[in-house]
Amino acid sequence: MAKGSSKATAQPTQRSWYTVGWRYPNPIHGAVGGSMEVHATGEADAKATVEAMLRTKRRAWEGITVVKGRDPGLTWTGGVDRYAAELQSMIGRLHVNAAAPHTPSPIWVHGDPTHDPDATARTMWAKFMDESSHGLSVSDFPRFVICDVNGYPTLPLPSEAVKDETRWDGITAVVREQLEYWKATLQERIERLGKVKRRSAEDADQLKRDKATLKELEAFDRWNYQRYVEQLLPGRKPHALDLDNRRLYRLSNGLLIPVSLGTYVLRVDFWRRLFVLWDGPMDKRADNVRAFLDHHHRKGGKPEAFRDLVKDTLARLRRVAEKSHRQGPHMVPGATLMNADSLDLLVEKIDGWLQIAVQYPAEMMPTDAELSQVSTFAALLGATNVEAVRVAMNAAGIVYKPAKGKGRIVAALHAACDHFSKPTPRPMDWPSMLAEFIPGSTWTAKSIPEARPSYQGPQYKEAYRAVKDRLSQ
């Protein structure tokens, strides 16, 4: 029996990622070259793909290089800030680029042998935080590092991973991936120039420099973020609610390099985190916002400066919300949260927190969890004090009327909280607490105290003073 012929099964062609770079003989609109990632079967296929693209665009080129792998740097700093439209509206037109994600720019000083970059950077940062921190709590854990090899850029580490110890191995992997790509790029050029039999003086110098640079990069082969942090901050733990550390660290030893810091950088970081929290799970976002404000009020070291920042934030949010009410929710192209209802709710939550914060030293301010346990004015003020409040209200002629006069009762109880040094209840709790205080009464979400004197009407101020004076007698 003759054996039947068998055809070899074709194996699928394996494809890999390659980064292809090229130069233009003459700059085009200021560009001297370009690079792109190609998914190809090999270096020749990747090169041919790019050459075909350049021919289609009628571009002349020279010096094509092909490196196997993807350049992590192409995606590290890319992307669009999800809340760029909201942030720009908060800042205003005078600072057009202030809302963009900020990567610290190093300040290099050349020709001065006595210059100590680390000492200079520490002095600059201390001055910046003393004058422009706004009472915000900023992390000490490095988020921006720069390789100690000339010509390589700052590496922005993933923000959320920096604040989570369980993800530090991922940071190590990301940094090593970038270093491996840089080494592969150098190795490709070393091999290419090494094959040239008659090298020019310029190529010979380039080959020598590339070999020296490759050796410098190989010194970081065992770099590890956890070990790096333990040497800089022994025994310290990151906090998820801190703002990002804006200092720039050397990858080798953790010493600082002076950087330029923008006027708006911490404020924009603070606003961005507020938007991130408010854009989170609906049932948790209010608690998350209050916890975020509590953290910075307690840990930032300047509670009054932080409350001033919150007041400024409220004023900006109100202006944006008012403009949105007039022009509609699509006032700003690309906005994520830019609608009046969402911003009004955020303003209400922040304003409620601020009304409580202004009454206490930061270290004594009750948390949101503590305030949520108070459901009646008797529980808040005490039964004896509540009776004293009722007597004072009757003497001042402040009585409940379904149609009008509810604001005077709110003012009276606001005065009682201040007199007995008790926290003003959360805005969300006022309607139910008022209904319990006056059985049979009805209240709405608008039945809340007004902490800002300029917003208090004559009747509100009169009722507040009347009850406060009688309780003081």
Foldseek 3Di string as FASTA:
>chain_A
DDDDDDDDDDDDQAWFKKKKWWAAPDDDVNHGIDIDIDTGSDQVRVVVVVVVVCVVVPGDTDDMFIFTDDQLVVVQQDDDQLALQVLCLLVDDVCPCQLRDDAWDFDDDPDDPVDDQLVVQVVVVVVCLVPQVLLAFAWPFDQWEFEPFPPGDIGGFDPQLSQPVVNQQVSVVSVLSNLVRVLRRLVRLLVVLVPDPDDDPVSVVVNVVSVVRSVSSVVCNPQGRVVQVCVVPPPDHHDNLHFYDNWYAYSPRRRTGHTDDDNCNNVSSVVSVLVVLLPDDPVCSLLVNLVSLLCSCQPSPCNVSNLVSLVSSLVSLVVQLVVCVVVHQPPDPSHDQRHNVSSVVSSLSSVLSSQQSVLDRSVPRDGPVVLVVDQAVCSFQNPVLLVLLVVLCVVVVQDDDQPDRLLLVQLSVVLSCSLSSTGAHGLVRVQRRVCVSPPPHGDDSVSHDDSDPVPDDPSSVVSNVSNNVSVVD
